[in-house]
Amino acid sequence: MEVIRQKLGGADDLRIRQLKAQQMLRGDIPDEELEEYVKERVLFTTLEKAQNWARANAVWPATFGLACCAIEMISVIGSPRNDLARFGAEVSRASPRQADMLILSGRVSIKMAPIIRRLYDQMLEPKWVISMGACASSAGMFNNYALVAGADRFLPVDVYVPGCPPRPEALMYGIIKLQNKIKGDPDLGWRERYRARGTEERARFPREGDAVA
């Protein structure tokens, strides 16, 4: 492989921009070129979109872990390989009053559920929740009488990250999905993306006249 070094934007490009600026000041530039020049340099948006963009790139997760998935969450926030600072989500806060994203990383016991709900109520508005791992989403392999079978029973969950435990890359992918959702441009689900409508599994109850084994 041959590596070639060359300067970007030489003196000729600068001279061309200077001449075009002089033409604009004199009013000699044609209307078509002026309109194209303005389109390249002016960005129109709404206050709501700008606000959502700022929120998506400045989510502050709470330093809150529940079980073994918390180790993977810590490696996302603090490790040099998987660094959330690239996505603006590295500012972790120990106080829920300074955080706006809660990552449920592990199994949720029935005794712990009201405490998590209290932490959620103390968080800033707007706030978001990521359910990380199979245990937080559906009780997972510890599906017994002492656990809550799904964090959505007591919290509004925005993004589910499957796995037991999910890798740090999976959590980063889930945070990116959440950022797209905050910006008002959520990604399509896999059924919409792959046109898989009609593949849902539905429970069928026996009706009158069905043969019973």
C-alpha atoms as a PDB file:
ATOM      1  CA  MET A   1       0.000   0.000   0.000  1.00  0.00           C
ATOM      2  CA  GLU A   2       1.375   3.411  -0.987  1.00  0.00           C
ATOM      3  CA  VAL A   3       0.748   6.384   1.262  1.00  0.00           C
ATOM      4  CA  ILE A   4       0.678   9.793  -0.421  1.00  0.00           C
ATOM      5  CA  ARG A   5       0.714  12.976   1.649  1.00  0.00           C
ATOM      6  CA  GLN A   6      -0.867  16.065   0.191  1.00  0.00           C
ATOM      7  CA  LYS A   7      -2.210  19.293   1.585  1.00  0.00           C
ATOM      8  CA  LEU A   8      -5.948  19.855   1.697  1.00  0.00           C
ATOM      9  CA  GLY A   9      -7.280  23.169   0.481  1.00  0.00           C
ATOM     10  CA  GLY A  10      -4.292  24.804  -1.143  1.00  0.00           C
ATOM     11  CA  ALA A  11      -3.668  28.444  -1.983  1.00  0.00           C
ATOM     12  CA  ASP A  12      -5.668  28.159  -5.203  1.00  0.00           C
ATOM     13  CA  ASP A  13      -8.829  27.195  -3.314  1.00  0.00           C
ATOM     14  CA  LEU A  14      -8.336  30.128  -0.952  1.00  0.00           C
ATOM     15  CA  ARG A  15      -7.889  32.494  -3.899  1.00  0.00           C
ATOM     16  CA  ILE A  16     -11.078  31.214  -5.519  1.00  0.00           C
ATOM     17  CA  ARG A  17     -13.036  31.794  -2.304  1.00  0.00           C
ATOM     18  CA  GLN A  18     -11.627  35.299  -1.998  1.00  0.00           C
ATOM     19  CA  LEU A  19     -12.623  36.190  -5.551  1.00  0.00           C
ATOM     20  CA  LYS A  20     -16.130  34.797  -5.027  1.00  0.00           C
ATOM     21  CA  ALA A  21     -16.471  36.817  -1.821  1.00  0.00           C
ATOM     22  CA  GLN A  22     -15.457  39.966  -3.685  1.00  0.00           C
ATOM     23  CA  GLN A  23     -18.025  39.221  -6.381  1.00  0.00           C
ATOM     24  CA  MET A  24     -20.717  38.850  -3.738  1.00  0.00           C
ATOM     25  CA  LEU A  25     -19.799  42.179  -2.154  1.00  0.00           C
ATOM     26  CA  ARG A  26     -19.965  43.916  -5.525  1.00  0.00           C
ATOM     27  CA  GLY A  27     -23.191  42.146  -6.483  1.00  0.00           C
ATOM     28  CA  ASP A  28     -21.635  40.642  -9.630  1.00  0.00           C
ATOM     29  CA  ILE A  29     -22.397  36.995  -8.820  1.00  0.00           C
ATOM     30  CA  PRO A  30     -25.335  35.471 -10.768  1.00  0.00           C
ATOM     31  CA  ASP A  31     -28.526  34.644  -8.934  1.00  0.00           C
ATOM     32  CA  GLU A  32     -28.165  30.897  -9.525  1.00  0.00           C
ATOM     33  CA  GLU A  33     -24.665  30.793  -8.039  1.00  0.00           C
ATOM     34  CA  LEU A  34     -25.739  32.995  -5.128  1.00  0.00           C
ATOM     35  CA  GLU A  35     -28.644  30.702  -4.326  1.00  0.00           C
ATOM     36  CA  GLU A  36     -26.403  27.642  -4.495  1.00  0.00           C
ATOM     37  CA  TYR A  37     -23.857  29.381  -2.261  1.00  0.00           C
ATOM     38  CA  VAL A  38     -26.497  30.130   0.347  1.00  0.00           C
ATOM     39  CA  LYS A  39     -27.871  26.564   0.236  1.00  0.00           C
ATOM     40  CA  GLU A  40     -24.423  25.156   0.961  1.00  0.00           C
ATOM     41  CA  ARG A  41     -23.847  27.366   4.010  1.00  0.00           C
ATOM     42  CA  VAL A  42     -27.222  27.955   5.638  1.00  0.00           C
ATOM     43  CA  LEU A  43     -28.874  25.331   7.796  1.00  0.00           C
ATOM     44  CA  PHE A  44     -32.548  25.578   8.713  1.00  0.00           C
ATOM     45  CA  THR A  45     -34.033  23.641  11.597  1.00  0.00           C
ATOM     46  CA  THR A  46     -36.594  23.967  14.348  1.00  0.00           C
ATOM     47  CA  LEU A  47     -36.025  24.695  18.020  1.00  0.00           C
ATOM     48  CA  GLU A  48     -37.418  21.290  18.944  1.00  0.00           C
ATOM     49  CA  LYS A  49     -34.969  19.446  16.668  1.00  0.00           C
ATOM     50  CA  ALA A  50     -32.021  21.450  17.959  1.00  0.00           C
ATOM     51  CA  GLN A  51     -33.107  20.794  21.528  1.00  0.00           C
ATOM     52  CA  ASN A  52     -33.466  17.062  20.919  1.00  0.00           C
ATOM     53  CA  TRP A  53     -30.076  16.973  19.194  1.00  0.00           C
ATOM     54  CA  ALA A  54     -28.484  18.596  22.241  1.00  0.00           C
ATOM     55  CA  ARG A  55     -30.230  16.188  24.597  1.00  0.00           C
ATOM     56  CA  ALA A  56     -29.213  13.142  22.589  1.00  0.00           C
ATOM     57  CA  ASN A  57     -25.549  14.120  22.633  1.00  0.00           C
ATOM     58  CA  ALA A  58     -25.470  14.940  26.342  1.00  0.00           C
ATOM     59  CA  VAL A  59     -27.128  12.030  28.152  1.00  0.00           C
ATOM     60  CA  TRP A  60     -25.858  11.560  31.687  1.00  0.00           C
ATOM     61  CA  PRO A  61     -26.161   7.955  32.938  1.00  0.00           C
ATOM     62  CA  ALA A  62     -26.554   7.178  36.603  1.00  0.00           C
ATOM     63  CA  THR A  63     -23.823   5.100  38.209  1.00  0.00           C
ATOM     64  CA  PHE A  64     -26.229   2.391  39.228  1.00  0.00           C
ATOM     65  CA  GLY A  65     -25.667  -1.341  38.806  1.00  0.00           C
ATOM     66  CA  LEU A  66     -27.667  -4.350  39.888  1.00  0.00           C
ATOM     67  CA  ALA A  67     -25.784  -7.555  39.082  1.00  0.00           C
ATOM     68  CA  CYS A  68     -23.258  -9.086  36.681  1.00  0.00           C
ATOM     69  CA  CYS A  69     -24.323  -6.890  33.746  1.00  0.00           C
ATOM     70  CA  ALA A  70     -23.009  -3.914  35.705  1.00  0.00           C
ATOM     71  CA  ILE A  71     -19.435  -5.094  35.000  1.00  0.00           C
ATOM     72  CA  GLU A  72     -20.103  -4.794  31.268  1.00  0.00           C
ATOM     73  CA  MET A  73     -21.670  -1.378  31.828  1.00  0.00           C
ATOM     74  CA  ILE A  74     -18.595  -0.202  33.750  1.00  0.00           C
ATOM     75  CA  SER A  75     -16.324  -1.358  30.935  1.00  0.00           C
ATOM     76  CA  VAL A  76     -18.349   0.767  28.515  1.00  0.00           C
ATOM     77  CA  ILE A  77     -18.067   3.930  30.568  1.00  0.00           C
ATOM     78  CA  GLY A  78     -14.504   3.685  31.823  1.00  0.00           C
ATOM     79  CA  SER A  79     -12.473   1.541  29.435  1.00  0.00           C
ATOM     80  CA  PRO A  80     -10.329   3.068  26.671  1.00  0.00           C
ATOM     81  CA  ARG A  81     -11.562   0.563  24.091  1.00  0.00           C
ATOM     82  CA  ASN A  82     -15.290   1.203  24.528  1.00  0.00           C
ATOM     83  CA  ASP A  83     -15.465   4.869  25.397  1.00  0.00           C
ATOM     84  CA  LEU A  84     -18.851   6.532  25.584  1.00  0.00           C
ATOM     85  CA  ALA A  85     -17.202   9.952  25.442  1.00  0.00           C
ATOM     86  CA  ARG A  86     -17.350   9.662  21.648  1.00  0.00           C
ATOM     87  CA  PHE A  87     -21.131   9.724  21.899  1.00  0.00           C
ATOM     88  CA  GLY A  88     -21.494  12.319  24.648  1.00  0.00           C
ATOM     89  CA  ALA A  89     -22.678   9.895  27.334  1.00  0.00           C
ATOM     90  CA  GLU A  90     -19.638   9.580  29.562  1.00  0.00           C
ATOM     91  CA  VAL A  91     -20.713  12.027  32.279  1.00  0.00           C
ATOM     92  CA  SER A  92     -21.823   9.543  34.933  1.00  0.00           C
ATOM     93  CA  ARG A  93     -23.478  10.883  38.031  1.00  0.00           C
ATOM     94  CA  ALA A  94     -23.863   9.158  41.393  1.00  0.00           C
ATOM     95  CA  SER A  95     -26.883  11.275  42.267  1.00  0.00           C
ATOM     96  CA  PRO A  96     -30.115  10.573  40.389  1.00  0.00           C
ATOM     97  CA  ARG A  97     -30.925  14.301  40.569  1.00  0.00           C
ATOM     98  CA  GLN A  98     -28.033  14.944  38.164  1.00  0.00           C
ATOM     99  CA  ALA A  99     -28.685  12.032  35.772  1.00  0.00           C
ATOM    100  CA  ASP A 100     -31.216  11.533  33.000  1.00  0.00           C
ATOM    101  CA  MET A 101     -30.502   7.951  31.865  1.00  0.00           C
ATOM    102  CA  LEU A 102     -30.938   4.847  33.999  1.00  0.00           C
ATOM    103  CA  ILE A 103     -29.352   1.572  32.873  1.00  0.00           C
ATOM    104  CA  LEU A 104     -30.877  -1.456  34.587  1.00  0.00           C
ATOM    105  CA  SER A 105     -27.893  -3.780  34.456  1.00  0.00           C
ATOM    106  CA  GLY A 106     -28.929  -7.026  36.089  1.00  0.00           C
ATOM    107  CA  ARG A 107     -31.780  -8.895  37.707  1.00  0.00           C
ATOM    108  CA  VAL A 108     -34.418  -6.899  39.576  1.00  0.00           C
ATOM    109  CA  SER A 109     -35.736  -8.393  42.784  1.00  0.00           C
ATOM    110  CA  ILE A 110     -39.166  -7.611  44.172  1.00  0.00           C
ATOM    111  CA  LYS A 111     -37.561  -5.847  47.142  1.00  0.00           C
ATOM    112  CA  MET A 112     -35.380  -3.737  44.843  1.00  0.00           C
ATOM    113  CA  ALA A 113     -38.150  -2.627  42.471  1.00  0.00           C
ATOM    114  CA  PRO A 114     -39.600   0.153  44.700  1.00  0.00           C
ATOM    115  CA  ILE A 115     -36.084   1.522  45.330  1.00  0.00           C
ATOM    116  CA  ILE A 116     -35.398   1.666  41.591  1.00  0.00           C
ATOM    117  CA  ARG A 117     -38.718   3.387  41.079  1.00  0.00           C
ATOM    118  CA  ARG A 118     -37.784   5.969  43.703  1.00  0.00           C
ATOM    119  CA  LEU A 119     -34.469   6.632  41.949  1.00  0.00           C
ATOM    120  CA  TYR A 120     -36.311   7.007  38.648  1.00  0.00           C
ATOM    121  CA  ASP A 121     -38.742   9.507  40.150  1.00  0.00           C
ATOM    122  CA  GLN A 122     -35.808  11.585  41.447  1.00  0.00           C
ATOM    123  CA  MET A 123     -34.135  11.830  38.033  1.00  0.00           C
ATOM    124  CA  LEU A 124     -34.256  14.857  35.766  1.00  0.00           C
ATOM    125  CA  GLU A 125     -36.873  15.339  33.086  1.00  0.00           C
ATOM    126  CA  PRO A 126     -36.766  14.220  30.342  1.00  0.00           C
ATOM    127  CA  LYS A 127     -35.327  10.850  31.372  1.00  0.00           C
ATOM    128  CA  TRP A 128     -34.786   7.507  29.712  1.00  0.00           C
ATOM    129  CA  VAL A 129     -34.351   3.892  30.739  1.00  0.00           C
ATOM    130  CA  ILE A 130     -32.307   1.105  29.132  1.00  0.00           C
ATOM    131  CA  SER A 131     -33.019  -2.467  30.166  1.00  0.00           C
ATOM    132  CA  MET A 132     -29.675  -4.249  29.849  1.00  0.00           C
ATOM    133  CA  GLY A 133     -29.531  -8.034  29.729  1.00  0.00           C
ATOM    134  CA  ALA A 134     -32.048 -10.845  29.802  1.00  0.00           C
ATOM    135  CA  CYS A 135     -32.603 -10.651  33.565  1.00  0.00           C
ATOM    136  CA  ALA A 136     -33.784  -7.046  33.607  1.00  0.00           C
ATOM    137  CA  SER A 137     -35.928  -7.593  30.519  1.00  0.00           C
ATOM    138  CA  SER A 138     -37.604 -10.906  31.381  1.00  0.00           C
ATOM    139  CA  ALA A 139     -36.030 -12.301  34.600  1.00  0.00           C
ATOM    140  CA  GLY A 140     -33.751 -14.433  32.400  1.00  0.00           C
ATOM    141  CA  MET A 141     -32.208 -17.566  33.892  1.00  0.00           C
ATOM    142  CA  PHE A 142     -33.173 -16.473  37.411  1.00  0.00           C
ATOM    143  CA  ASN A 143     -36.891 -16.640  36.717  1.00  0.00           C
ATOM    144  CA  ASN A 144     -38.278 -17.374  40.181  1.00  0.00           C
ATOM    145  CA  TYR A 145     -40.718 -15.982  42.721  1.00  0.00           C
ATOM    146  CA  ALA A 146     -38.240 -13.402  44.079  1.00  0.00           C
ATOM    147  CA  LEU A 147     -37.634 -11.507  40.805  1.00  0.00           C
ATOM    148  CA  VAL A 148     -39.650  -9.113  38.691  1.00  0.00           C
ATOM    149  CA  ALA A 149     -40.207 -10.681  35.266  1.00  0.00           C
ATOM    150  CA  GLY A 150     -39.471  -7.576  33.249  1.00  0.00           C
ATOM    151  CA  ALA A 151     -38.551  -4.040  34.269  1.00  0.00           C
ATOM    152  CA  ASP A 152     -41.399  -2.658  32.148  1.00  0.00           C
ATOM    153  CA  ARG A 153     -43.778  -3.762  34.900  1.00  0.00           C
ATOM    154  CA  PHE A 154     -42.796  -0.745  37.003  1.00  0.00           C
ATOM    155  CA  LEU A 155     -40.707   1.493  34.683  1.00  0.00           C
ATOM    156  CA  PRO A 156     -41.207   2.850  31.149  1.00  0.00           C
ATOM    157  CA  VAL A 157     -38.338   1.168  29.276  1.00  0.00           C
ATOM    158  CA  ASP A 158     -37.112   2.886  26.094  1.00  0.00           C
ATOM    159  CA  VAL A 159     -34.515   0.409  24.766  1.00  0.00           C
ATOM    160  CA  TYR A 160     -33.935  -3.276  25.452  1.00  0.00           C
ATOM    161  CA  VAL A 161     -30.402  -4.694  25.094  1.00  0.00           C
ATOM    162  CA  PRO A 162     -30.573  -8.522  24.950  1.00  0.00           C
ATOM    163  CA  GLY A 163     -27.845 -10.861  26.088  1.00  0.00           C
ATOM    164  CA  CYS A 164     -26.611 -12.750  29.145  1.00  0.00           C
ATOM    165  CA  PRO A 165     -24.598 -10.670  29.652  1.00  0.00           C
ATOM    166  CA  PRO A 166     -24.527  -8.402  26.606  1.00  0.00           C
ATOM    167  CA  ARG A 167     -21.118  -7.288  25.445  1.00  0.00           C
ATOM    168  CA  PRO A 168     -20.087  -3.646  25.888  1.00  0.00           C
ATOM    169  CA  GLU A 169     -20.532  -3.135  22.141  1.00  0.00           C
ATOM    170  CA  ALA A 170     -24.172  -4.199  22.481  1.00  0.00           C
ATOM    171  CA  LEU A 171     -24.793  -1.602  25.188  1.00  0.00           C
ATOM    172  CA  MET A 172     -23.137   1.082  23.059  1.00  0.00           C
ATOM    173  CA  TYR A 173     -25.394   0.068  20.183  1.00  0.00           C
ATOM    174  CA  GLY A 174     -28.407   0.376  22.470  1.00  0.00           C
ATOM    175  CA  ILE A 175     -27.306   3.858  23.576  1.00  0.00           C
ATOM    176  CA  ILE A 176     -26.976   4.902  19.928  1.00  0.00           C
ATOM    177  CA  LYS A 177     -30.502   3.594  19.321  1.00  0.00           C
ATOM    178  CA  LEU A 178     -31.705   5.641  22.284  1.00  0.00           C
ATOM    179  CA  GLN A 179     -29.993   8.752  20.933  1.00  0.00           C
ATOM    180  CA  ASN A 180     -31.760   8.296  17.597  1.00  0.00           C
ATOM    181  CA  LYS A 181     -35.034   7.969  19.479  1.00  0.00           C
ATOM    182  CA  ILE A 182     -34.356  11.153  21.456  1.00  0.00           C
ATOM    183  CA  LYS A 183     -33.596  13.056  18.246  1.00  0.00           C
ATOM    184  CA  GLY A 184     -37.022  12.108  16.941  1.00  0.00           C
ATOM    185  CA  ASP A 185     -35.685   9.729  14.292  1.00  0.00           C
ATOM    186  CA  PRO A 186     -36.036   6.237  15.787  1.00  0.00           C
ATOM    187  CA  ASP A 187     -34.720   3.292  13.832  1.00  0.00           C
ATOM    188  CA  LEU A 188     -37.220   0.847  12.404  1.00  0.00           C
ATOM    189  CA  GLY A 189     -37.766  -2.432  14.149  1.00  0.00           C
ATOM    190  CA  TRP A 190     -36.536  -5.564  12.463  1.00  0.00           C
ATOM    191  CA  ARG A 191     -40.035  -6.484  11.303  1.00  0.00           C
ATOM    192  CA  GLU A 192     -40.384  -3.182   9.481  1.00  0.00           C
ATOM    193  CA  ARG A 193     -36.810  -3.186   8.242  1.00  0.00           C
ATOM    194  CA  TYR A 194     -36.998  -6.696   6.779  1.00  0.00           C
ATOM    195  CA  ARG A 195     -40.699  -6.578   5.885  1.00  0.00           C
ATOM    196  CA  ALA A 196     -41.433  -9.455   8.231  1.00  0.00           C
ATOM    197  CA  ARG A 197     -45.015  -8.570   9.070  1.00  0.00           C
ATOM    198  CA  GLY A 198     -47.090 -11.631   9.830  1.00  0.00           C
ATOM    199  CA  THR A 199     -44.312 -13.523  11.619  1.00  0.00           C
ATOM    200  CA  GLU A 200     -45.520 -12.631  15.102  1.00  0.00           C
ATOM    201  CA  GLU A 201     -46.132 -15.494  17.499  1.00  0.00           C
ATOM    202  CA  ARG A 202     -49.569 -15.389  19.052  1.00  0.00           C
ATOM    203  CA  ALA A 203     -51.019 -17.657  21.687  1.00  0.00           C
ATOM    204  CA  ARG A 204     -53.970 -19.642  20.345  1.00  0.00           C
ATOM    205  CA  PHE A 205     -56.532 -20.789  22.854  1.00  0.00           C
ATOM    206  CA  PRO A 206     -58.692 -23.832  22.150  1.00  0.00           C
ATOM    207  CA  ARG A 207     -62.096 -22.985  20.821  1.00  0.00           C
ATOM    208  CA  GLU A 208     -65.333 -24.861  20.964  1.00  0.00           C
ATOM    209  CA  GLY A 209     -65.250 -27.796  18.581  1.00  0.00           C
ATOM    210  CA  ASP A 210     -61.452 -28.252  18.565  1.00  0.00           C
ATOM    211  CA  ALA A 211     -60.168 -31.761  19.136  1.00  0.00           C
ATOM    212  CA  VAL A 212     -58.512 -32.175  22.512  1.00  0.00           C
ATOM    213  CA  ALA A 213     -55.776 -34.766  22.882  1.00  0.00           C
END
